[in-house]
């Protein structure tokens, strides 16, 4: 294996760490959380430009202009860092799911873009990837030779297929959750999560205050483009 290492490490040096450091955002009381360290982190990244850990910036209506400009300056380097997360969208989304305002303002990011409440939630992030383009392909295949197919009819067919496969995806994800609960408990992690000790339950067994699995929809842009190109509107 050692003899091959110089070759294969050029093509794959391992998976990224998946950790994300967030800058900016809001305090629990709703004030801007930008501070001196926020600027120092961006300065450090501009100097070193390491691809890991991920670096993100939470923006909102209260963000200071100097920090916003510093963020734009960093993005201009062209490395894809920092990622941008919009508090004006994310916080209301958490509120819609029953999360308290204080906790919603304190959200963090797991991995690339998956959202979570630190110390209070559990979820298998990226438990499934939903390929929208494959659904589009199946819909077109099932309507092959249908010369009367309209824009609206194709859209309805795609929606029905999405609903069908999402149902299957949820069933499969639930099986994964059961497997983690029964065969892969994480007592050390559970000891850092609110409610697990009080309930006497592992985080994989509903011990956390909040629990959710996260799926990603892949190929959204190309699916929309293919859809528009497939059938002319009636």
C-alpha atoms as a PDB file:
ATOM      1  CA  UNK A   1       0.000   0.000   0.000  1.00  0.00           C
ATOM      2  CA  UNK A   2       2.854   2.385   0.793  1.00  0.00           C
ATOM      3  CA  UNK A   3       4.094   2.096  -2.755  1.00  0.00           C
ATOM      4  CA  UNK A   4       0.759   3.334  -4.103  1.00  0.00           C
ATOM      5  CA  UNK A   5       0.201   6.077  -1.525  1.00  0.00           C
ATOM      6  CA  UNK A   6       1.912   8.964  -3.403  1.00  0.00           C
ATOM      7  CA  UNK A   7      -0.349   8.299  -6.389  1.00  0.00           C
ATOM      8  CA  UNK A   8      -3.748   7.817  -4.798  1.00  0.00           C
ATOM      9  CA  UNK A   9      -3.381  10.640  -2.285  1.00  0.00           C
ATOM     10  CA  UNK A  10      -3.095  13.065  -5.183  1.00  0.00           C
ATOM     11  CA  UNK A  11      -6.630  12.147  -6.198  1.00  0.00           C
ATOM     12  CA  UNK A  12      -8.258  11.586  -2.817  1.00  0.00           C
ATOM     13  CA  UNK A  13      -6.754  12.790   0.448  1.00  0.00           C
ATOM     14  CA  UNK A  14      -9.791  11.908   2.534  1.00  0.00           C
ATOM     15  CA  UNK A  15     -13.180  13.359   3.341  1.00  0.00           C
ATOM     16  CA  UNK A  16     -13.452  16.940   4.641  1.00  0.00           C
ATOM     17  CA  UNK A  17     -13.952  17.390   8.364  1.00  0.00           C
ATOM     18  CA  UNK A  18     -17.453  18.802   7.958  1.00  0.00           C
ATOM     19  CA  UNK A  19     -17.075  21.303  10.781  1.00  0.00           C
ATOM     20  CA  UNK A  20     -18.400  24.817  10.179  1.00  0.00           C
ATOM     21  CA  UNK A  21     -17.402  27.930  12.110  1.00  0.00           C
ATOM     22  CA  UNK A  22     -20.117  30.592  11.948  1.00  0.00           C
ATOM     23  CA  UNK A  23     -19.444  34.312  12.225  1.00  0.00           C
ATOM     24  CA  UNK A  24     -21.932  37.112  12.805  1.00  0.00           C
ATOM     25  CA  UNK A  25     -25.555  36.268  13.445  1.00  0.00           C
ATOM     26  CA  UNK A  26     -27.655  37.273  16.429  1.00  0.00           C
ATOM     27  CA  UNK A  27     -27.483  37.021  20.191  1.00  0.00           C
ATOM     28  CA  UNK A  28     -30.346  35.400  22.094  1.00  0.00           C
ATOM     29  CA  UNK A  29     -31.703  38.888  22.821  1.00  0.00           C
ATOM     30  CA  UNK A  30     -31.768  39.776  19.122  1.00  0.00           C
ATOM     31  CA  UNK A  31     -28.702  42.005  18.896  1.00  0.00           C
ATOM     32  CA  UNK A  32     -25.971  41.684  16.262  1.00  0.00           C
ATOM     33  CA  UNK A  33     -23.361  39.123  17.335  1.00  0.00           C
ATOM     34  CA  UNK A  34     -20.588  40.592  15.168  1.00  0.00           C
ATOM     35  CA  UNK A  35     -17.473  41.322  17.244  1.00  0.00           C
ATOM     36  CA  UNK A  36     -13.720  41.808  16.901  1.00  0.00           C
ATOM     37  CA  UNK A  37     -13.165  38.060  16.589  1.00  0.00           C
ATOM     38  CA  UNK A  38     -15.496  37.991  13.570  1.00  0.00           C
ATOM     39  CA  UNK A  39     -13.131  40.318  11.699  1.00  0.00           C
ATOM     40  CA  UNK A  40     -10.035  38.442  12.888  1.00  0.00           C
ATOM     41  CA  UNK A  41     -11.410  35.155  11.550  1.00  0.00           C
ATOM     42  CA  UNK A  42     -11.923  36.645   8.099  1.00  0.00           C
ATOM     43  CA  UNK A  43      -8.443  38.214   8.219  1.00  0.00           C
ATOM     44  CA  UNK A  44      -6.960  34.833   9.128  1.00  0.00           C
ATOM     45  CA  UNK A  45      -8.796  33.105   6.315  1.00  0.00           C
ATOM     46  CA  UNK A  46      -7.671  35.692   3.768  1.00  0.00           C
ATOM     47  CA  UNK A  47      -4.072  35.081   4.832  1.00  0.00           C
ATOM     48  CA  UNK A  48      -4.120  31.270   4.940  1.00  0.00           C
ATOM     49  CA  UNK A  49      -7.109  30.245   2.769  1.00  0.00           C
ATOM     50  CA  UNK A  50      -7.420  26.754   4.221  1.00  0.00           C
ATOM     51  CA  UNK A  51     -10.376  24.821   2.728  1.00  0.00           C
ATOM     52  CA  UNK A  52     -11.205  23.325   6.144  1.00  0.00           C
ATOM     53  CA  UNK A  53     -12.872  23.926   8.479  1.00  0.00           C
ATOM     54  CA  UNK A  54     -15.814  25.449   6.649  1.00  0.00           C
ATOM     55  CA  UNK A  55     -16.347  29.118   7.410  1.00  0.00           C
ATOM     56  CA  UNK A  56     -19.781  30.728   7.251  1.00  0.00           C
ATOM     57  CA  UNK A  57     -21.266  34.158   7.879  1.00  0.00           C
ATOM     58  CA  UNK A  58     -24.762  34.729   9.232  1.00  0.00           C
ATOM     59  CA  UNK A  59     -26.289  37.877   7.769  1.00  0.00           C
ATOM     60  CA  UNK A  60     -29.310  39.859   8.915  1.00  0.00           C
ATOM     61  CA  UNK A  61     -30.764  43.362   8.925  1.00  0.00           C
ATOM     62  CA  UNK A  62     -28.524  44.347  11.864  1.00  0.00           C
ATOM     63  CA  UNK A  63     -25.187  43.341  10.332  1.00  0.00           C
ATOM     64  CA  UNK A  64     -22.636  46.185  10.389  1.00  0.00           C
ATOM     65  CA  UNK A  65     -21.597  47.552   7.032  1.00  0.00           C
ATOM     66  CA  UNK A  66     -17.821  47.169   7.690  1.00  0.00           C
ATOM     67  CA  UNK A  67     -18.270  43.463   8.451  1.00  0.00           C
ATOM     68  CA  UNK A  68     -20.514  42.988   5.433  1.00  0.00           C
ATOM     69  CA  UNK A  69     -17.848  44.599   3.237  1.00  0.00           C
ATOM     70  CA  UNK A  70     -15.171  42.425   4.837  1.00  0.00           C
ATOM     71  CA  UNK A  71     -17.282  39.370   4.031  1.00  0.00           C
ATOM     72  CA  UNK A  72     -17.715  40.477   0.409  1.00  0.00           C
ATOM     73  CA  UNK A  73     -13.978  41.107   0.169  1.00  0.00           C
ATOM     74  CA  UNK A  74     -13.327  37.547   1.347  1.00  0.00           C
ATOM     75  CA  UNK A  75     -15.841  36.063  -1.087  1.00  0.00           C
ATOM     76  CA  UNK A  76     -14.093  37.963  -3.865  1.00  0.00           C
ATOM     77  CA  UNK A  77     -11.044  35.718  -3.404  1.00  0.00           C
ATOM     78  CA  UNK A  78     -13.029  33.116  -5.342  1.00  0.00           C
ATOM     79  CA  UNK A  79     -12.570  30.174  -2.982  1.00  0.00           C
ATOM     80  CA  UNK A  80     -16.266  29.767  -2.191  1.00  0.00           C
ATOM     81  CA  UNK A  81     -15.691  30.790   1.418  1.00  0.00           C
ATOM     82  CA  UNK A  82     -17.390  32.080   3.491  1.00  0.00           C
ATOM     83  CA  UNK A  83     -20.795  30.537   2.981  1.00  0.00           C
ATOM     84  CA  UNK A  84     -23.723  32.893   3.597  1.00  0.00           C
ATOM     85  CA  UNK A  85     -26.706  32.077   5.822  1.00  0.00           C
ATOM     86  CA  UNK A  86     -29.657  34.477   5.968  1.00  0.00           C
ATOM     87  CA  UNK A  87     -31.037  34.894   9.498  1.00  0.00           C
ATOM     88  CA  UNK A  88     -34.111  36.623   8.074  1.00  0.00           C
ATOM     89  CA  UNK A  89     -35.099  33.282   6.518  1.00  0.00           C
ATOM     90  CA  UNK A  90     -33.589  30.697   8.868  1.00  0.00           C
ATOM     91  CA  UNK A  91     -34.864  32.086  12.182  1.00  0.00           C
ATOM     92  CA  UNK A  92     -38.535  32.209  11.042  1.00  0.00           C
ATOM     93  CA  UNK A  93     -38.132  28.703   9.605  1.00  0.00           C
ATOM     94  CA  UNK A  94     -37.090  27.382  13.010  1.00  0.00           C
ATOM     95  CA  UNK A  95     -39.937  29.271  14.680  1.00  0.00           C
ATOM     96  CA  UNK A  96     -42.293  27.557  12.248  1.00  0.00           C
ATOM     97  CA  UNK A  97     -41.041  24.202  13.554  1.00  0.00           C
ATOM     98  CA  UNK A  98     -41.756  25.055  17.189  1.00  0.00           C
ATOM     99  CA  UNK A  99     -38.279  26.210  18.217  1.00  0.00           C
ATOM    100  CA  UNK A 100     -38.150  29.058  20.746  1.00  0.00           C
ATOM    101  CA  UNK A 101     -37.034  32.488  19.528  1.00  0.00           C
ATOM    102  CA  UNK A 102     -33.903  32.416  21.699  1.00  0.00           C
ATOM    103  CA  UNK A 103     -32.835  29.009  20.381  1.00  0.00           C
ATOM    104  CA  UNK A 104     -33.684  29.927  16.790  1.00  0.00           C
ATOM    105  CA  UNK A 105     -31.391  32.952  17.009  1.00  0.00           C
ATOM    106  CA  UNK A 106     -28.615  30.652  18.258  1.00  0.00           C
ATOM    107  CA  UNK A 107     -28.713  28.208  15.336  1.00  0.00           C
ATOM    108  CA  UNK A 108     -25.543  26.668  13.949  1.00  0.00           C
ATOM    109  CA  UNK A 109     -24.534  24.683  10.881  1.00  0.00           C
ATOM    110  CA  UNK A 110     -23.638  21.002  10.667  1.00  0.00           C
ATOM    111  CA  UNK A 111     -21.374  20.021   7.796  1.00  0.00           C
ATOM    112  CA  UNK A 112     -22.011  22.112   4.697  1.00  0.00           C
ATOM    113  CA  UNK A 113     -25.379  23.835   5.080  1.00  0.00           C
ATOM    114  CA  UNK A 114     -27.483  21.650   7.390  1.00  0.00           C
ATOM    115  CA  UNK A 115     -29.051  23.725  10.157  1.00  0.00           C
ATOM    116  CA  UNK A 116     -29.253  22.736  13.817  1.00  0.00           C
ATOM    117  CA  UNK A 117     -29.697  24.091  17.344  1.00  0.00           C
ATOM    118  CA  UNK A 118     -26.466  23.435  19.298  1.00  0.00           C
ATOM    119  CA  UNK A 119     -26.849  21.209  22.324  1.00  0.00           C
ATOM    120  CA  UNK A 120     -30.576  20.692  21.837  1.00  0.00           C
ATOM    121  CA  UNK A 121     -31.197  18.831  18.599  1.00  0.00           C
ATOM    122  CA  UNK A 122     -30.338  15.514  17.023  1.00  0.00           C
ATOM    123  CA  UNK A 123     -30.567  14.578  13.407  1.00  0.00           C
ATOM    124  CA  UNK A 124     -28.959  12.403  10.781  1.00  0.00           C
ATOM    125  CA  UNK A 125     -27.913  15.193   8.463  1.00  0.00           C
ATOM    126  CA  UNK A 126     -27.838  14.154   4.829  1.00  0.00           C
ATOM    127  CA  UNK A 127     -29.623  10.937   5.739  1.00  0.00           C
ATOM    128  CA  UNK A 128     -30.776  10.809   2.108  1.00  0.00           C
ATOM    129  CA  UNK A 129     -30.171  12.603  -1.174  1.00  0.00           C
ATOM    130  CA  UNK A 130     -33.233  13.102  -3.370  1.00  0.00           C
ATOM    131  CA  UNK A 131     -32.375  13.195  -7.081  1.00  0.00           C
ATOM    132  CA  UNK A 132     -34.939  15.470  -8.710  1.00  0.00           C
ATOM    133  CA  UNK A 133     -33.446  14.980 -12.161  1.00  0.00           C
ATOM    134  CA  UNK A 134     -33.972  11.216 -11.918  1.00  0.00           C
ATOM    135  CA  UNK A 135     -37.642  11.847 -11.113  1.00  0.00           C
ATOM    136  CA  UNK A 136     -37.812  14.073 -14.184  1.00  0.00           C
ATOM    137  CA  UNK A 137     -36.225  11.312 -16.275  1.00  0.00           C
ATOM    138  CA  UNK A 138     -38.722   8.718 -15.016  1.00  0.00           C
ATOM    139  CA  UNK A 139     -41.635  11.054 -15.747  1.00  0.00           C
ATOM    140  CA  UNK A 140     -40.441  11.663 -19.302  1.00  0.00           C
ATOM    141  CA  UNK A 141     -39.865   7.940 -19.857  1.00  0.00           C
ATOM    142  CA  UNK A 142     -43.371   7.085 -18.690  1.00  0.00           C
ATOM    143  CA  UNK A 143     -44.784   9.710 -21.066  1.00  0.00           C
ATOM    144  CA  UNK A 144     -42.659   8.716 -24.057  1.00  0.00           C
ATOM    145  CA  UNK A 145     -44.711   8.893 -27.229  1.00  0.00           C
ATOM    146  CA  UNK A 146     -47.443  10.967 -25.584  1.00  0.00           C
ATOM    147  CA  UNK A 147     -47.853  13.694 -28.200  1.00  0.00           C
ATOM    148  CA  UNK A 148     -50.671  15.339 -26.260  1.00  0.00           C
ATOM    149  CA  UNK A 149     -48.561  15.899 -23.137  1.00  0.00           C
ATOM    150  CA  UNK A 150     -48.912  19.459 -21.913  1.00  0.00           C
ATOM    151  CA  UNK A 151     -46.745  21.604 -19.677  1.00  0.00           C
ATOM    152  CA  UNK A 152     -49.274  21.371 -16.851  1.00  0.00           C
ATOM    153  CA  UNK A 153     -49.749  17.604 -17.245  1.00  0.00           C
ATOM    154  CA  UNK A 154     -46.007  16.952 -17.068  1.00  0.00           C
ATOM    155  CA  UNK A 155     -45.749  19.123 -13.965  1.00  0.00           C
ATOM    156  CA  UNK A 156     -48.572  17.196 -12.306  1.00  0.00           C
ATOM    157  CA  UNK A 157     -46.899  13.889 -13.198  1.00  0.00           C
ATOM    158  CA  UNK A 158     -43.568  15.042 -11.757  1.00  0.00           C
ATOM    159  CA  UNK A 159     -45.263  16.197  -8.552  1.00  0.00           C
ATOM    160  CA  UNK A 160     -46.967  12.828  -8.157  1.00  0.00           C
ATOM    161  CA  UNK A 161     -43.663  11.018  -8.668  1.00  0.00           C
ATOM    162  CA  UNK A 162     -41.892  13.278  -6.169  1.00  0.00           C
ATOM    163  CA  UNK A 163     -44.589  12.525  -3.590  1.00  0.00           C
ATOM    164  CA  UNK A 164     -44.260   8.786  -4.251  1.00  0.00           C
ATOM    165  CA  UNK A 165     -40.488   8.644  -3.931  1.00  0.00           C
ATOM    166  CA  UNK A 166     -40.387  10.966  -0.931  1.00  0.00           C
ATOM    167  CA  UNK A 167     -42.711   8.524   0.845  1.00  0.00           C
ATOM    168  CA  UNK A 168     -40.258   5.708   0.100  1.00  0.00           C
ATOM    169  CA  UNK A 169     -37.344   7.895   1.197  1.00  0.00           C
ATOM    170  CA  UNK A 170     -39.013   8.642   4.540  1.00  0.00           C
ATOM    171  CA  UNK A 171     -39.653   4.938   5.119  1.00  0.00           C
ATOM    172  CA  UNK A 172     -35.999   4.164   4.400  1.00  0.00           C
ATOM    173  CA  UNK A 173     -34.808   7.002   6.641  1.00  0.00           C
ATOM    174  CA  UNK A 174     -36.962   5.708   9.488  1.00  0.00           C
ATOM    175  CA  UNK A 175     -35.296   2.320   9.127  1.00  0.00           C
ATOM    176  CA  UNK A 176     -31.892   4.034   9.419  1.00  0.00           C
ATOM    177  CA  UNK A 177     -33.060   5.824  12.574  1.00  0.00           C
ATOM    178  CA  UNK A 178     -34.190   2.532  14.107  1.00  0.00           C
ATOM    179  CA  UNK A 179     -30.846   0.958  13.219  1.00  0.00           C
ATOM    180  CA  UNK A 180     -28.919   3.753  14.919  1.00  0.00           C
ATOM    181  CA  UNK A 181     -31.132   3.498  17.984  1.00  0.00           C
ATOM    182  CA  UNK A 182     -30.813  -0.274  18.309  1.00  0.00           C
ATOM    183  CA  UNK A 183     -27.232  -0.839  17.167  1.00  0.00           C
ATOM    184  CA  UNK A 184     -25.265   2.410  17.380  1.00  0.00           C
ATOM    185  CA  UNK A 185     -26.137   4.462  20.488  1.00  0.00           C
ATOM    186  CA  UNK A 186     -23.804   7.366  21.334  1.00  0.00           C
ATOM    187  CA  UNK A 187     -23.744   7.835  25.122  1.00  0.00           C
ATOM    188  CA  UNK A 188     -20.834  10.303  25.106  1.00  0.00           C
ATOM    189  CA  UNK A 189     -22.555  12.613  22.626  1.00  0.00           C
ATOM    190  CA  UNK A 190     -25.828  12.197  24.492  1.00  0.00           C
ATOM    191  CA  UNK A 191     -24.212  13.506  27.678  1.00  0.00           C
ATOM    192  CA  UNK A 192     -23.724  16.893  25.988  1.00  0.00           C
ATOM    193  CA  UNK A 193     -27.296  17.228  24.717  1.00  0.00           C
ATOM    194  CA  UNK A 194     -30.089  18.824  26.727  1.00  0.00           C
ATOM    195  CA  UNK A 195     -32.746  16.442  28.073  1.00  0.00           C
ATOM    196  CA  UNK A 196     -30.868  13.192  27.372  1.00  0.00           C
ATOM    197  CA  UNK A 197     -29.647  12.784  30.958  1.00  0.00           C
ATOM    198  CA  UNK A 198     -32.946  13.967  32.419  1.00  0.00           C
ATOM    199  CA  UNK A 199     -34.891  11.477  30.302  1.00  0.00           C
ATOM    200  CA  UNK A 200     -32.330   8.713  30.700  1.00  0.00           C
ATOM    201  CA  UNK A 201     -32.449   8.130  26.950  1.00  0.00           C
ATOM    202  CA  UNK A 202     -29.783   8.111  24.283  1.00  0.00           C
ATOM    203  CA  UNK A 203     -29.884  10.855  21.671  1.00  0.00           C
ATOM    204  CA  UNK A 204     -30.696   8.212  19.047  1.00  0.00           C
ATOM    205  CA  UNK A 205     -33.706   7.124  21.112  1.00  0.00           C
ATOM    206  CA  UNK A 206     -35.485  10.466  21.338  1.00  0.00           C
ATOM    207  CA  UNK A 207     -33.436  11.870  24.201  1.00  0.00           C
ATOM    208  CA  UNK A 208     -32.842  15.270  22.609  1.00  0.00           C
ATOM    209  CA  UNK A 209     -35.312  18.126  22.984  1.00  0.00           C
ATOM    210  CA  UNK A 210     -35.689  18.331  19.212  1.00  0.00           C
ATOM    211  CA  UNK A 211     -34.996  15.728  16.556  1.00  0.00           C
ATOM    212  CA  UNK A 212     -35.022  15.874  12.781  1.00  0.00           C
ATOM    213  CA  UNK A 213     -33.415  14.148   9.839  1.00  0.00           C
ATOM    214  CA  UNK A 214     -32.291  16.263   6.930  1.00  0.00           C
ATOM    215  CA  UNK A 215     -32.391  15.321   3.268  1.00  0.00           C
ATOM    216  CA  UNK A 216     -31.009  17.212   0.299  1.00  0.00           C
ATOM    217  CA  UNK A 217     -32.633  17.726  -3.087  1.00  0.00           C
ATOM    218  CA  UNK A 218     -29.999  17.342  -5.787  1.00  0.00           C
ATOM    219  CA  UNK A 219     -29.973  18.794  -9.322  1.00  0.00           C
ATOM    220  CA  UNK A 220     -32.684  21.397  -8.724  1.00  0.00           C
ATOM    221  CA  UNK A 221     -31.439  23.945 -11.260  1.00  0.00           C
ATOM    222  CA  UNK A 222     -30.824  21.476 -14.086  1.00  0.00           C
ATOM    223  CA  UNK A 223     -34.174  19.771 -13.417  1.00  0.00           C
ATOM    224  CA  UNK A 224     -36.003  23.070 -13.788  1.00  0.00           C
ATOM    225  CA  UNK A 225     -34.116  23.829 -16.990  1.00  0.00           C
ATOM    226  CA  UNK A 226     -34.872  20.381 -18.424  1.00  0.00           C
ATOM    227  CA  UNK A 227     -38.518  20.737 -17.454  1.00  0.00           C
ATOM    228  CA  UNK A 228     -38.877  24.072 -19.218  1.00  0.00           C
ATOM    229  CA  UNK A 229     -37.193  22.682 -22.327  1.00  0.00           C
ATOM    230  CA  UNK A 230     -39.300  19.515 -22.485  1.00  0.00           C
ATOM    231  CA  UNK A 231     -42.770  20.887 -23.146  1.00  0.00           C
ATOM    232  CA  UNK A 232     -43.857  24.252 -24.459  1.00  0.00           C
ATOM    233  CA  UNK A 233     -46.578  25.979 -22.384  1.00  0.00           C
ATOM    234  CA  UNK A 234     -50.085  25.607 -23.791  1.00  0.00           C
END
